[in-house]
Amino acid sequence: DMVFLKQHKVRKGDRVLLWDPNSPRWVSAFFAAASVGAVAVPLDI
């Protein structure tokens, strides 16, 4: 997911929305955003 974000030019400080029920994919996406320095914006389902 980190590679995927980088391919879409997501950089440190960029916002990444997360709108999804709790799931392993949500966990991976959140940690990936945090690891590339992006700011996660989790939304209530």
PDB file of all heavy atoms in Angstrom:
ATOM      1  N   ASP A   1       0.822  -1.209   0.000  1.00  0.00           N
ATOM      2  CA  ASP A   1       0.000   0.000   0.000  1.00  0.00           C
ATOM      3  C   ASP A   1       0.857   1.260   0.000  1.00  0.00           C
ATOM      4  O   ASP A   1       0.487   2.283  -0.586  1.00  0.00           O
ATOM      5  CB  ASP A   1      -0.940   0.008   1.208  1.00  0.00           C
ATOM      6  CG  ASP A   1      -2.130  -0.924   1.033  1.00  0.00           C
ATOM      7  OD1 ASP A   1      -2.434  -1.279  -0.126  1.00  0.00           O
ATOM      8  OD2 ASP A   1      -2.761  -1.296   2.042  1.00  0.00           O
ATOM      9  N   MET A   2       2.021   1.202   0.659  1.00  0.00           N
ATOM     10  CA  MET A   2       2.938   2.339   0.637  1.00  0.00           C
ATOM     11  C   MET A   2       3.439   2.611  -0.781  1.00  0.00           C
ATOM     12  O   MET A   2       3.480   3.753  -1.239  1.00  0.00           O
ATOM     13  CB  MET A   2       4.118   2.080   1.578  1.00  0.00           C
ATOM     14  CG  MET A   2       3.758   2.103   3.045  1.00  0.00           C
ATOM     15  SD  MET A   2       5.081   1.435   4.106  1.00  0.00           S
ATOM     16  CE  MET A   2       6.371   2.650   3.853  1.00  0.00           C
ATOM     17  N   VAL A   3       3.809   1.533  -1.485  1.00  0.00           N
ATOM     18  CA  VAL A   3       4.240   1.680  -2.874  1.00  0.00           C
ATOM     19  C   VAL A   3       3.106   2.242  -3.714  1.00  0.00           C
ATOM     20  O   VAL A   3       3.303   3.126  -4.558  1.00  0.00           O
ATOM     21  CB  VAL A   3       4.714   0.322  -3.427  1.00  0.00           C
ATOM     22  CG1 VAL A   3       4.994   0.412  -4.923  1.00  0.00           C
ATOM     23  CG2 VAL A   3       5.963  -0.140  -2.687  1.00  0.00           C
ATOM     24  N   PHE A   4       1.903   1.751  -3.474  1.00  0.00           N
ATOM     25  CA  PHE A   4       0.729   2.208  -4.213  1.00  0.00           C
ATOM     26  C   PHE A   4       0.507   3.704  -4.005  1.00  0.00           C
ATOM     27  O   PHE A   4       0.251   4.450  -4.958  1.00  0.00           O
ATOM     28  CB  PHE A   4      -0.490   1.412  -3.741  1.00  0.00           C
ATOM     29  CG  PHE A   4      -1.713   1.615  -4.589  1.00  0.00           C
ATOM     30  CD1 PHE A   4      -1.804   1.063  -5.854  1.00  0.00           C
ATOM     31  CD2 PHE A   4      -2.784   2.350  -4.116  1.00  0.00           C
ATOM     32  CE1 PHE A   4      -2.927   1.245  -6.638  1.00  0.00           C
ATOM     33  CE2 PHE A   4      -3.916   2.531  -4.888  1.00  0.00           C
ATOM     34  CZ  PHE A   4      -3.980   1.975  -6.156  1.00  0.00           C
ATOM     35  N   LEU A   5       0.642   4.169  -2.754  1.00  0.00           N
ATOM     36  CA  LEU A   5       0.481   5.596  -2.474  1.00  0.00           C
ATOM     37  C   LEU A   5       1.567   6.424  -3.159  1.00  0.00           C
ATOM     38  O   LEU A   5       1.300   7.493  -3.706  1.00  0.00           O
ATOM     39  CB  LEU A   5       0.510   5.835  -0.962  1.00  0.00           C
ATOM     40  CG  LEU A   5      -0.723   5.379  -0.190  1.00  0.00           C
ATOM     41  CD1 LEU A   5      -0.484   5.491   1.314  1.00  0.00           C
ATOM     42  CD2 LEU A   5      -1.951   6.212  -0.582  1.00  0.00           C
ATOM     43  N   LYS A   6       2.787   5.913  -3.129  1.00  0.00           N
ATOM     44  CA  LYS A   6       3.873   6.648  -3.773  1.00  0.00           C
ATOM     45  C   LYS A   6       3.650   6.755  -5.272  1.00  0.00           C
ATOM     46  O   LYS A   6       3.932   7.788  -5.886  1.00  0.00           O
ATOM     47  CB  LYS A   6       5.211   5.980  -3.485  1.00  0.00           C
ATOM     48  CG  LYS A   6       6.366   6.770  -4.065  1.00  0.00           C
ATOM     49  CD  LYS A   6       7.699   6.119  -3.805  1.00  0.00           C
ATOM     50  CE  LYS A   6       8.810   6.923  -4.474  1.00  0.00           C
ATOM     51  NZ  LYS A   6      10.130   6.301  -4.324  1.00  0.00           N
ATOM     52  N   GLN A   7       3.136   5.696  -5.872  1.00  0.00           N
ATOM     53  CA  GLN A   7       2.868   5.733  -7.306  1.00  0.00           C
ATOM     54  C   GLN A   7       1.830   6.794  -7.648  1.00  0.00           C
ATOM     55  O   GLN A   7       1.798   7.302  -8.762  1.00  0.00           O
ATOM     56  CB  GLN A   7       2.413   4.354  -7.781  1.00  0.00           C
ATOM     57  CG  GLN A   7       3.525   3.329  -7.798  1.00  0.00           C
ATOM     58  CD  GLN A   7       3.023   1.925  -8.081  1.00  0.00           C
ATOM     59  OE1 GLN A   7       1.821   1.644  -7.965  1.00  0.00           O
ATOM     60  NE2 GLN A   7       3.926   1.030  -8.456  1.00  0.00           N
ATOM     61  N   HIS A   8       0.997   7.144  -6.671  1.00  0.00           N
ATOM     62  CA  HIS A   8       0.001   8.198  -6.865  1.00  0.00           C
ATOM     63  C   HIS A   8       0.479   9.532  -6.303  1.00  0.00           C
ATOM     64  O   HIS A   8      -0.335  10.433  -6.025  1.00  0.00           O
ATOM     65  CB  HIS A   8      -1.327   7.795  -6.222  1.00  0.00           C
ATOM     66  CG  HIS A   8      -2.086   6.775  -7.016  1.00  0.00           C
ATOM     67  ND1 HIS A   8      -1.803   5.424  -6.967  1.00  0.00           N
ATOM     68  CD2 HIS A   8      -3.107   6.909  -7.905  1.00  0.00           C
ATOM     69  CE1 HIS A   8      -2.625   4.779  -7.770  1.00  0.00           C
ATOM     70  NE2 HIS A   8      -3.421   5.645  -8.356  1.00  0.00           N
ATOM     71  N   LYS A   9       1.789   9.663  -6.118  1.00  0.00           N
ATOM     72  CA  LYS A   9       2.438  10.931  -5.740  1.00  0.00           C
ATOM     73  C   LYS A   9       2.004  11.441  -4.366  1.00  0.00           C
ATOM     74  O   LYS A   9       1.996  12.647  -4.122  1.00  0.00           O
ATOM     75  CB  LYS A   9       2.161  12.009  -6.794  1.00  0.00           C
ATOM     76  CG  LYS A   9       2.429  11.577  -8.228  1.00  0.00           C
ATOM     77  CD  LYS A   9       3.876  11.185  -8.438  1.00  0.00           C
ATOM     78  CE  LYS A   9       4.126  10.809  -9.899  1.00  0.00           C
ATOM     79  NZ  LYS A   9       5.515  10.326 -10.135  1.00  0.00           N
ATOM     80  N   VAL A  10       1.638  10.537  -3.467  1.00  0.00           N
ATOM     81  CA  VAL A  10       1.292  10.947  -2.106  1.00  0.00           C
ATOM     82  C   VAL A  10       2.585  11.152  -1.323  1.00  0.00           C
ATOM     83  O   VAL A  10       3.432  10.257  -1.254  1.00  0.00           O
ATOM     84  CB  VAL A  10       0.413   9.898  -1.405  1.00  0.00           C
ATOM     85  CG1 VAL A  10       0.159  10.286   0.048  1.00  0.00           C
ATOM     86  CG2 VAL A  10      -0.913   9.752  -2.152  1.00  0.00           C
ATOM     87  N   ARG A  11       2.728  12.339  -0.722  1.00  0.00           N
ATOM     88  CA  ARG A  11       3.962  12.700  -0.026  1.00  0.00           C
ATOM     89  C   ARG A  11       3.671  13.057   1.423  1.00  0.00           C
ATOM     90  O   ARG A  11       2.514  13.132   1.846  1.00  0.00           O
ATOM     91  CB  ARG A  11       4.644  13.871  -0.732  1.00  0.00           C
ATOM     92  CG  ARG A  11       5.095  13.552  -2.166  1.00  0.00           C
ATOM     93  CD  ARG A  11       5.759  14.750  -2.798  1.00  0.00           C
ATOM     94  NE  ARG A  11       6.312  14.437  -4.109  1.00  0.00           N
ATOM     95  CZ  ARG A  11       5.625  14.480  -5.241  1.00  0.00           C
ATOM     96  NH1 ARG A  11       4.343  14.836  -5.222  1.00  0.00           N
ATOM     97  NH2 ARG A  11       6.203  14.180  -6.393  1.00  0.00           N
ATOM     98  N   LYS A  12       4.742  13.308   2.148  1.00  0.00           N
ATOM     99  CA  LYS A  12       4.623  13.680   3.550  1.00  0.00           C
ATOM    100  C   LYS A  12       3.740  14.922   3.686  1.00  0.00           C
ATOM    101  O   LYS A  12       3.930  15.913   2.985  1.00  0.00           O
ATOM    102  CB  LYS A  12       6.006  13.958   4.147  1.00  0.00           C
ATOM    103  CG  LYS A  12       5.970  14.298   5.628  1.00  0.00           C
ATOM    104  CD  LYS A  12       7.365  14.526   6.180  1.00  0.00           C
ATOM    105  CE  LYS A  12       7.313  14.879   7.666  1.00  0.00           C
ATOM    106  NZ  LYS A  12       8.662  15.106   8.236  1.00  0.00           N
ATOM    107  N   GLY A  13       2.780  14.839   4.607  1.00  0.00           N
ATOM    108  CA  GLY A  13       1.877  15.957   4.852  1.00  0.00           C
ATOM    109  C   GLY A  13       0.605  15.929   4.036  1.00  0.00           C
ATOM    110  O   GLY A  13      -0.357  16.638   4.369  1.00  0.00           O
ATOM    111  N   ASP A  14       0.558  15.125   2.962  1.00  0.00           N
ATOM    112  CA  ASP A  14      -0.670  15.011   2.172  1.00  0.00           C
ATOM    113  C   ASP A  14      -1.754  14.315   2.990  1.00  0.00           C
ATOM    114  O   ASP A  14      -1.470  13.478   3.846  1.00  0.00           O
ATOM    115  CB  ASP A  14      -0.421  14.201   0.898  1.00  0.00           C
ATOM    116  CG  ASP A  14       0.381  14.968  -0.130  1.00  0.00           C
ATOM    117  OD1 ASP A  14       0.602  16.171   0.074  1.00  0.00           O
ATOM    118  OD2 ASP A  14       0.795  14.352  -1.136  1.00  0.00           O
ATOM    119  N   ARG A  15      -3.007  14.664   2.723  1.00  0.00           N
ATOM    120  CA  ARG A  15      -4.128  14.025   3.400  1.00  0.00           C
ATOM    121  C   ARG A  15      -4.605  12.813   2.618  1.00  0.00           C
ATOM    122  O   ARG A  15      -4.705  12.853   1.396  1.00  0.00           O
ATOM    123  CB  ARG A  15      -5.291  14.997   3.544  1.00  0.00           C
ATOM    124  CG  ARG A  15      -5.279  15.917   4.748  1.00  0.00           C
ATOM    125  CD  ARG A  15      -4.017  16.685   4.965  1.00  0.00           C
ATOM    126  NE  ARG A  15      -4.202  17.704   6.000  1.00  0.00           N
ATOM    127  CZ  ARG A  15      -3.217  18.365   6.557  1.00  0.00           C
ATOM    128  NH1 ARG A  15      -1.966  18.132   6.200  1.00  0.00           N
ATOM    129  NH2 ARG A  15      -3.455  19.288   7.481  1.00  0.00           N
ATOM    130  N   VAL A  16      -4.917  11.730   3.353  1.00  0.00           N
ATOM    131  CA  VAL A  16      -5.445  10.505   2.743  1.00  0.00           C
ATOM    132  C   VAL A  16      -6.735  10.124   3.464  1.00  0.00           C
ATOM    133  O   VAL A  16      -6.721   9.830   4.660  1.00  0.00           O
ATOM    134  CB  VAL A  16      -4.433   9.345   2.839  1.00  0.00           C
ATOM    135  CG1 VAL A  16      -5.057   8.045   2.322  1.00  0.00           C
ATOM    136  CG2 VAL A  16      -3.161   9.666   2.058  1.00  0.00           C
ATOM    137  N   LEU A  17      -7.856  10.152   2.738  1.00  0.00           N
ATOM    138  CA  LEU A  17      -9.146   9.782   3.324  1.00  0.00           C
ATOM    139  C   LEU A  17      -9.250   8.270   3.469  1.00  0.00           C
ATOM    140  O   LEU A  17      -8.797   7.513   2.598  1.00  0.00           O
ATOM    141  CB  LEU A  17     -10.301  10.265   2.446  1.00  0.00           C
ATOM    142  CG  LEU A  17     -10.639  11.756   2.412  1.00  0.00           C
ATOM    143  CD1 LEU A  17     -11.896  11.974   1.587  1.00  0.00           C
ATOM    144  CD2 LEU A  17     -10.829  12.313   3.808  1.00  0.00           C
ATOM    145  N   LEU A  18      -9.883   7.831   4.565  1.00  0.00           N
ATOM    146  CA  LEU A  18     -10.181   6.417   4.799  1.00  0.00           C
ATOM    147  C   LEU A  18     -11.650   6.301   5.167  1.00  0.00           C
ATOM    148  O   LEU A  18     -12.056   6.693   6.264  1.00  0.00           O
ATOM    149  CB  LEU A  18      -9.319   5.865   5.937  1.00  0.00           C
ATOM    150  CG  LEU A  18      -7.841   5.628   5.644  1.00  0.00           C
ATOM    151  CD1 LEU A  18      -7.060   5.463   6.934  1.00  0.00           C
ATOM    152  CD2 LEU A  18      -7.686   4.386   4.795  1.00  0.00           C
ATOM    153  N   TRP A  19     -12.434   5.758   4.248  1.00  0.00           N
ATOM    154  CA  TRP A  19     -13.875   5.601   4.498  1.00  0.00           C
ATOM    155  C   TRP A  19     -14.234   4.149   4.228  1.00  0.00           C
ATOM    156  O   TRP A  19     -14.495   3.742   3.109  1.00  0.00           O
ATOM    157  CB  TRP A  19     -14.669   6.531   3.588  1.00  0.00           C
ATOM    158  CG  TRP A  19     -16.121   6.664   3.967  1.00  0.00           C
ATOM    159  CD1 TRP A  19     -16.661   6.577   5.222  1.00  0.00           C
ATOM    160  CD2 TRP A  19     -17.211   6.930   3.083  1.00  0.00           C
ATOM    161  NE1 TRP A  19     -18.021   6.772   5.177  1.00  0.00           N
ATOM    162  CE2 TRP A  19     -18.396   6.993   3.875  1.00  0.00           C
ATOM    163  CE3 TRP A  19     -17.304   7.126   1.708  1.00  0.00           C
ATOM    164  CZ2 TRP A  19     -19.644   7.241   3.323  1.00  0.00           C
ATOM    165  CZ3 TRP A  19     -18.566   7.378   1.156  1.00  0.00           C
ATOM    166  CH2 TRP A  19     -19.726   7.437   1.965  1.00  0.00           C
ATOM    167  N   ASP A  20     -14.213   3.372   5.293  1.00  0.00           N
ATOM    168  CA  ASP A  20     -14.375   1.934   5.155  1.00  0.00           C
ATOM    169  C   ASP A  20     -14.659   1.346   6.533  1.00  0.00           C
ATOM    170  O   ASP A  20     -14.110   1.825   7.526  1.00  0.00           O
ATOM    171  CB  ASP A  20     -13.093   1.320   4.580  1.00  0.00           C
ATOM    172  CG  ASP A  20     -13.217  -0.159   4.273  1.00  0.00           C
ATOM    173  OD1 ASP A  20     -14.286  -0.569   3.791  1.00  0.00           O
ATOM    174  OD2 ASP A  20     -12.246  -0.892   4.513  1.00  0.00           O
ATOM    175  N   PRO A  21     -15.503   0.313   6.641  1.00  0.00           N
ATOM    176  CA  PRO A  21     -15.676  -0.362   7.941  1.00  0.00           C
ATOM    177  C   PRO A  21     -14.353  -0.955   8.415  1.00  0.00           C
ATOM    178  O   PRO A  21     -13.437  -1.194   7.620  1.00  0.00           O
ATOM    179  CB  PRO A  21     -16.703  -1.464   7.628  1.00  0.00           C
ATOM    180  CG  PRO A  21     -17.417  -1.002   6.394  1.00  0.00           C
ATOM    181  CD  PRO A  21     -16.391  -0.247   5.600  1.00  0.00           C
ATOM    182  N   ASN A  22     -14.254  -1.195   9.719  1.00  0.00           N
ATOM    183  CA  ASN A  22     -13.044  -1.799  10.271  1.00  0.00           C
ATOM    184  C   ASN A  22     -12.749  -3.124   9.569  1.00  0.00           C
ATOM    185  O   ASN A  22     -13.622  -3.985   9.464  1.00  0.00           O
ATOM    186  CB  ASN A  22     -13.197  -2.039  11.765  1.00  0.00           C
ATOM    187  CG  ASN A  22     -13.222  -0.740  12.552  1.00  0.00           C
ATOM    188  OD1 ASN A  22     -12.745   0.286  12.067  1.00  0.00           O
ATOM    189  ND2 ASN A  22     -13.769  -0.774  13.751  1.00  0.00           N
ATOM    190  N   SER A  23     -11.532  -3.280   9.117  1.00  0.00           N
ATOM    191  CA  SER A  23     -11.134  -4.485   8.397  1.00  0.00           C
ATOM    192  C   SER A  23      -9.615  -4.515   8.299  1.00  0.00           C
ATOM    193  O   SER A  23      -8.951  -3.497   8.524  1.00  0.00           O
ATOM    194  CB  SER A  23     -11.734  -4.497   6.981  1.00  0.00           C
ATOM    195  OG  SER A  23     -11.124  -3.495   6.184  1.00  0.00           O
ATOM    196  N   PRO A  24      -9.030  -5.667   7.962  1.00  0.00           N
ATOM    197  CA  PRO A  24      -7.576  -5.710   7.753  1.00  0.00           C
ATOM    198  C   PRO A  24      -7.102  -4.736   6.685  1.00  0.00           C
ATOM    199  O   PRO A  24      -6.018  -4.163   6.794  1.00  0.00           O
ATOM    200  CB  PRO A  24      -7.323  -7.163   7.332  1.00  0.00           C
ATOM    201  CG  PRO A  24      -8.438  -7.927   7.987  1.00  0.00           C
ATOM    202  CD  PRO A  24      -9.624  -7.016   7.916  1.00  0.00           C
ATOM    203  N   ARG A  25      -7.896  -4.540   5.631  1.00  0.00           N
ATOM    204  CA  ARG A  25      -7.508  -3.598   4.572  1.00  0.00           C
ATOM    205  C   ARG A  25      -7.457  -2.178   5.101  1.00  0.00           C
ATOM    206  O   ARG A  25      -6.602  -1.383   4.709  1.00  0.00           O
ATOM    207  CB  ARG A  25      -8.479  -3.704   3.388  1.00  0.00           C
ATOM    208  CG  ARG A  25      -8.362  -4.960   2.596  1.00  0.00           C
ATOM    209  CD  ARG A  25      -7.011  -5.076   1.880  1.00  0.00           C
ATOM    210  NE  ARG A  25      -6.915  -4.203   0.743  1.00  0.00           N
ATOM    211  CZ  ARG A  25      -6.101  -3.165   0.632  1.00  0.00           C
ATOM    212  NH1 ARG A  25      -5.291  -2.846   1.624  1.00  0.00           N
ATOM    213  NH2 ARG A  25      -6.059  -2.440  -0.451  1.00  0.00           N
ATOM    214  N   TRP A  26      -8.405  -1.827   5.983  1.00  0.00           N
ATOM    215  CA  TRP A  26      -8.377  -0.495   6.597  1.00  0.00           C
ATOM    216  C   TRP A  26      -7.098  -0.323   7.404  1.00  0.00           C
ATOM    217  O   TRP A  26      -6.430   0.718   7.342  1.00  0.00           O
ATOM    218  CB  TRP A  26      -9.596  -0.310   7.499  1.00  0.00           C
ATOM    219  CG  TRP A  26      -9.812   1.083   7.999  1.00  0.00           C
ATOM    220  CD1 TRP A  26     -10.709   1.993   7.520  1.00  0.00           C
ATOM    221  CD2 TRP A  26      -9.135   1.734   9.081  1.00  0.00           C
ATOM    222  NE1 TRP A  26     -10.618   3.166   8.238  1.00  0.00           N
ATOM    223  CE2 TRP A  26      -9.664   3.040   9.195  1.00  0.00           C
ATOM    224  CE3 TRP A  26      -8.123   1.351   9.970  1.00  0.00           C
ATOM    225  CZ2 TRP A  26      -9.224   3.957  10.148  1.00  0.00           C
ATOM    226  CZ3 TRP A  26      -7.664   2.258  10.914  1.00  0.00           C
ATOM    227  CH2 TRP A  26      -8.221   3.548  11.006  1.00  0.00           C
ATOM    228  N   VAL A  27      -6.757  -1.343   8.192  1.00  0.00           N
ATOM    229  CA  VAL A  27      -5.549  -1.290   9.024  1.00  0.00           C
ATOM    230  C   VAL A  27      -4.314  -1.072   8.154  1.00  0.00           C
ATOM    231  O   VAL A  27      -3.468  -0.211   8.449  1.00  0.00           O
ATOM    232  CB  VAL A  27      -5.403  -2.595   9.840  1.00  0.00           C
ATOM    233  CG1 VAL A  27      -4.059  -2.619  10.562  1.00  0.00           C
ATOM    234  CG2 VAL A  27      -6.545  -2.724  10.837  1.00  0.00           C
ATOM    235  N   SER A  28      -4.207  -1.822   7.070  1.00  0.00           N
ATOM    236  CA  SER A  28      -3.057  -1.699   6.185  1.00  0.00           C
ATOM    237  C   SER A  28      -2.986  -0.315   5.554  1.00  0.00           C
ATOM    238  O   SER A  28      -1.915   0.301   5.495  1.00  0.00           O
ATOM    239  CB  SER A  28      -3.124  -2.768   5.086  1.00  0.00           C
ATOM    240  OG  SER A  28      -2.062  -2.618   4.172  1.00  0.00           O
ATOM    241  N   ALA A  29      -4.121   0.193   5.091  1.00  0.00           N
ATOM    242  CA  ALA A  29      -4.145   1.511   4.450  1.00  0.00           C
ATOM    243  C   ALA A  29      -3.753   2.609   5.437  1.00  0.00           C
ATOM    244  O   ALA A  29      -3.008   3.535   5.093  1.00  0.00           O
ATOM    245  CB  ALA A  29      -5.532   1.780   3.869  1.00  0.00           C
ATOM    246  N   PHE A  30      -4.245   2.510   6.672  1.00  0.00           N
ATOM    247  CA  PHE A  30      -3.918   3.512   7.688  1.00  0.00           C
ATOM    248  C   PHE A  30      -2.423   3.508   7.989  1.00  0.00           C
ATOM    249  O   PHE A  30      -1.762   4.558   8.001  1.00  0.00           O
ATOM    250  CB  PHE A  30      -4.704   3.255   8.967  1.00  0.00           C
ATOM    251  CG  PHE A  30      -4.386   4.217  10.076  1.00  0.00           C
ATOM    252  CD1 PHE A  30      -5.056   5.425  10.186  1.00  0.00           C
ATOM    253  CD2 PHE A  30      -3.396   3.926  11.010  1.00  0.00           C
ATOM    254  CE1 PHE A  30      -4.755   6.328  11.200  1.00  0.00           C
ATOM    255  CE2 PHE A  30      -3.083   4.817  12.025  1.00  0.00           C
ATOM    256  CZ  PHE A  30      -3.760   6.017  12.124  1.00  0.00           C
ATOM    257  N   PHE A  31      -1.868   2.315   8.237  1.00  0.00           N
ATOM    258  CA  PHE A  31      -0.442   2.220   8.549  1.00  0.00           C
ATOM    259  C   PHE A  31       0.421   2.651   7.358  1.00  0.00           C
ATOM    260  O   PHE A  31       1.493   3.234   7.538  1.00  0.00           O
ATOM    261  CB  PHE A  31      -0.078   0.797   8.961  1.00  0.00           C
ATOM    262  CG  PHE A  31      -0.403   0.487  10.395  1.00  0.00           C
ATOM    263  CD1 PHE A  31      -0.975  -0.730  10.739  1.00  0.00           C
ATOM    264  CD2 PHE A  31      -0.132   1.390  11.410  1.00  0.00           C
ATOM    265  CE1 PHE A  31      -1.260  -1.034  12.065  1.00  0.00           C
ATOM    266  CE2 PHE A  31      -0.422   1.100  12.738  1.00  0.00           C
ATOM    267  CZ  PHE A  31      -0.978  -0.117  13.063  1.00  0.00           C
ATOM    268  N   ALA A  32      -0.033   2.353   6.149  1.00  0.00           N
ATOM    269  CA  ALA A  32       0.717   2.773   4.963  1.00  0.00           C
ATOM    270  C   ALA A  32       0.762   4.290   4.849  1.00  0.00           C
ATOM    271  O   ALA A  32       1.816   4.880   4.578  1.00  0.00           O
ATOM    272  CB  ALA A  32       0.107   2.157   3.705  1.00  0.00           C
ATOM    273  N   ALA A  33      -0.383   4.929   5.053  1.00  0.00           N
ATOM    274  CA  ALA A  33      -0.427   6.391   5.002  1.00  0.00           C
ATOM    275  C   ALA A  33       0.503   6.993   6.049  1.00  0.00           C
ATOM    276  O   ALA A  33       1.275   7.916   5.772  1.00  0.00           O
ATOM    277  CB  ALA A  33      -1.856   6.876   5.206  1.00  0.00           C
ATOM    278  N   ALA A  34       0.450   6.443   7.269  1.00  0.00           N
ATOM    279  CA  ALA A  34       1.305   6.946   8.343  1.00  0.00           C
ATOM    280  C   ALA A  34       2.779   6.748   8.020  1.00  0.00           C
ATOM    281  O   ALA A  34       3.617   7.593   8.336  1.00  0.00           O
ATOM    282  CB  ALA A  34       0.956   6.247   9.655  1.00  0.00           C
ATOM    283  N   SER A  35       3.112   5.639   7.371  1.00  0.00           N
ATOM    284  CA  SER A  35       4.507   5.300   7.117  1.00  0.00           C
ATOM    285  C   SER A  35       5.129   6.132   6.003  1.00  0.00           C
ATOM    286  O   SER A  35       6.353   6.282   5.953  1.00  0.00           O
ATOM    287  CB  SER A  35       4.635   3.810   6.786  1.00  0.00           C
ATOM    288  OG  SER A  35       4.270   3.018   7.906  1.00  0.00           O
ATOM    289  N   VAL A  36       4.315   6.660   5.087  1.00  0.00           N
ATOM    290  CA  VAL A  36       4.861   7.550   4.062  1.00  0.00           C
ATOM    291  C   VAL A  36       4.797   9.003   4.504  1.00  0.00           C
ATOM    292  O   VAL A  36       5.168   9.907   3.750  1.00  0.00           O
ATOM    293  CB  VAL A  36       4.128   7.380   2.706  1.00  0.00           C
ATOM    294  CG1 VAL A  36       4.269   5.959   2.190  1.00  0.00           C
ATOM    295  CG2 VAL A  36       2.672   7.800   2.801  1.00  0.00           C
ATOM    296  N   GLY A  37       4.331   9.230   5.738  1.00  0.00           N
ATOM    297  CA  GLY A  37       4.278  10.587   6.266  1.00  0.00           C
ATOM    298  C   GLY A  37       3.016  11.341   5.936  1.00  0.00           C
ATOM    299  O   GLY A  37       2.903  12.537   6.237  1.00  0.00           O
ATOM    300  N   ALA A  38       2.048  10.647   5.307  1.00  0.00           N
ATOM    301  CA  ALA A  38       0.777  11.304   5.000  1.00  0.00           C
ATOM    302  C   ALA A  38      -0.072  11.420   6.272  1.00  0.00           C
ATOM    303  O   ALA A  38       0.213  10.780   7.284  1.00  0.00           O
ATOM    304  CB  ALA A  38       0.021  10.522   3.929  1.00  0.00           C
ATOM    305  N   VAL A  39      -1.109  12.218   6.194  1.00  0.00           N
ATOM    306  CA  VAL A  39      -2.017  12.426   7.320  1.00  0.00           C
ATOM    307  C   VAL A  39      -3.320  11.691   7.023  1.00  0.00           C
ATOM    308  O   VAL A  39      -4.022  12.022   6.060  1.00  0.00           O
ATOM    309  CB  VAL A  39      -2.295  13.918   7.549  1.00  0.00           C
ATOM    310  CG1 VAL A  39      -3.263  14.118   8.715  1.00  0.00           C
ATOM    311  CG2 VAL A  39      -0.991  14.670   7.794  1.00  0.00           C
ATOM    312  N   ALA A  40      -3.624  10.685   7.816  1.00  0.00           N
ATOM    313  CA  ALA A  40      -4.848   9.916   7.614  1.00  0.00           C
ATOM    314  C   ALA A  40      -6.063  10.724   8.057  1.00  0.00           C
ATOM    315  O   ALA A  40      -6.017  11.429   9.068  1.00  0.00           O
ATOM    316  CB  ALA A  40      -4.788   8.605   8.385  1.00  0.00           C
ATOM    317  N   VAL A  41      -7.137  10.619   7.294  1.00  0.00           N
ATOM    318  CA  VAL A  41      -8.400  11.264   7.642  1.00  0.00           C
ATOM    319  C   VAL A  41      -9.468  10.172   7.684  1.00  0.00           C
ATOM    320  O   VAL A  41     -10.174   9.936   6.697  1.00  0.00           O
ATOM    321  CB  VAL A  41      -8.778  12.368   6.636  1.00  0.00           C
ATOM    322  CG1 VAL A  41     -10.058  13.081   7.074  1.00  0.00           C
ATOM    323  CG2 VAL A  41      -7.639  13.365   6.478  1.00  0.00           C
ATOM    324  N   PRO A  42      -9.573   9.448   8.807  1.00  0.00           N
ATOM    325  CA  PRO A  42     -10.568   8.367   8.899  1.00  0.00           C
ATOM    326  C   PRO A  42     -11.969   8.938   9.058  1.00  0.00           C
ATOM    327  O   PRO A  42     -12.194   9.882   9.832  1.00  0.00           O
ATOM    328  CB  PRO A  42     -10.134   7.599  10.150  1.00  0.00           C
ATOM    329  CG  PRO A  42      -9.400   8.606  10.984  1.00  0.00           C
ATOM    330  CD  PRO A  42      -8.756   9.560  10.030  1.00  0.00           C
ATOM    331  N   LEU A  43     -12.914   8.372   8.333  1.00  0.00           N
ATOM    332  CA  LEU A  43     -14.283   8.864   8.347  1.00  0.00           C
ATOM    333  C   LEU A  43     -15.220   7.844   8.978  1.00  0.00           C
ATOM    334  O   LEU A  43     -15.046   6.638   8.812  1.00  0.00           O
ATOM    335  CB  LEU A  43     -14.760   9.164   6.922  1.00  0.00           C
ATOM    336  CG  LEU A  43     -13.906  10.143   6.115  1.00  0.00           C
ATOM    337  CD1 LEU A  43     -14.502  10.337   4.740  1.00  0.00           C
ATOM    338  CD2 LEU A  43     -13.778  11.487   6.837  1.00  0.00           C
ATOM    339  N   ASP A  44     -16.210   8.351   9.676  1.00  0.00           N
ATOM    340  CA  ASP A  44     -17.255   7.506  10.250  1.00  0.00           C
ATOM    341  C   ASP A  44     -18.010   6.827   9.114  1.00  0.00           C
ATOM    342  O   ASP A  44     -18.425   7.489   8.148  1.00  0.00           O
ATOM    343  CB  ASP A  44     -18.202   8.379  11.078  1.00  0.00           C
ATOM    344  CG  ASP A  44     -19.185   7.580  11.926  1.00  0.00           C
ATOM    345  OD1 ASP A  44     -19.585   6.473  11.500  1.00  0.00           O
ATOM    346  OD2 ASP A  44     -19.558   8.069  12.999  1.00  0.00           O
ATOM    347  N   ILE A  45     -18.200   5.507   9.211  1.00  0.00           N
ATOM    348  CA  ILE A  45     -18.896   4.804   8.135  1.00  0.00           C
ATOM    349  C   ILE A  45     -20.361   5.235   8.020  1.00  0.00           C
ATOM    350  O   ILE A  45     -21.001   5.002   6.999  1.00  0.00           O
ATOM    351  CB  ILE A  45     -18.817   3.278   8.305  1.00  0.00           C
ATOM    352  CG1 ILE A  45     -19.486   2.839   9.618  1.00  0.00           C
ATOM    353  CG2 ILE A  45     -17.392   2.802   8.242  1.00  0.00           C
ATOM    354  CD1 ILE A  45     -19.635   1.338   9.746  1.00  0.00           C
TER     355      ILE A  45
END
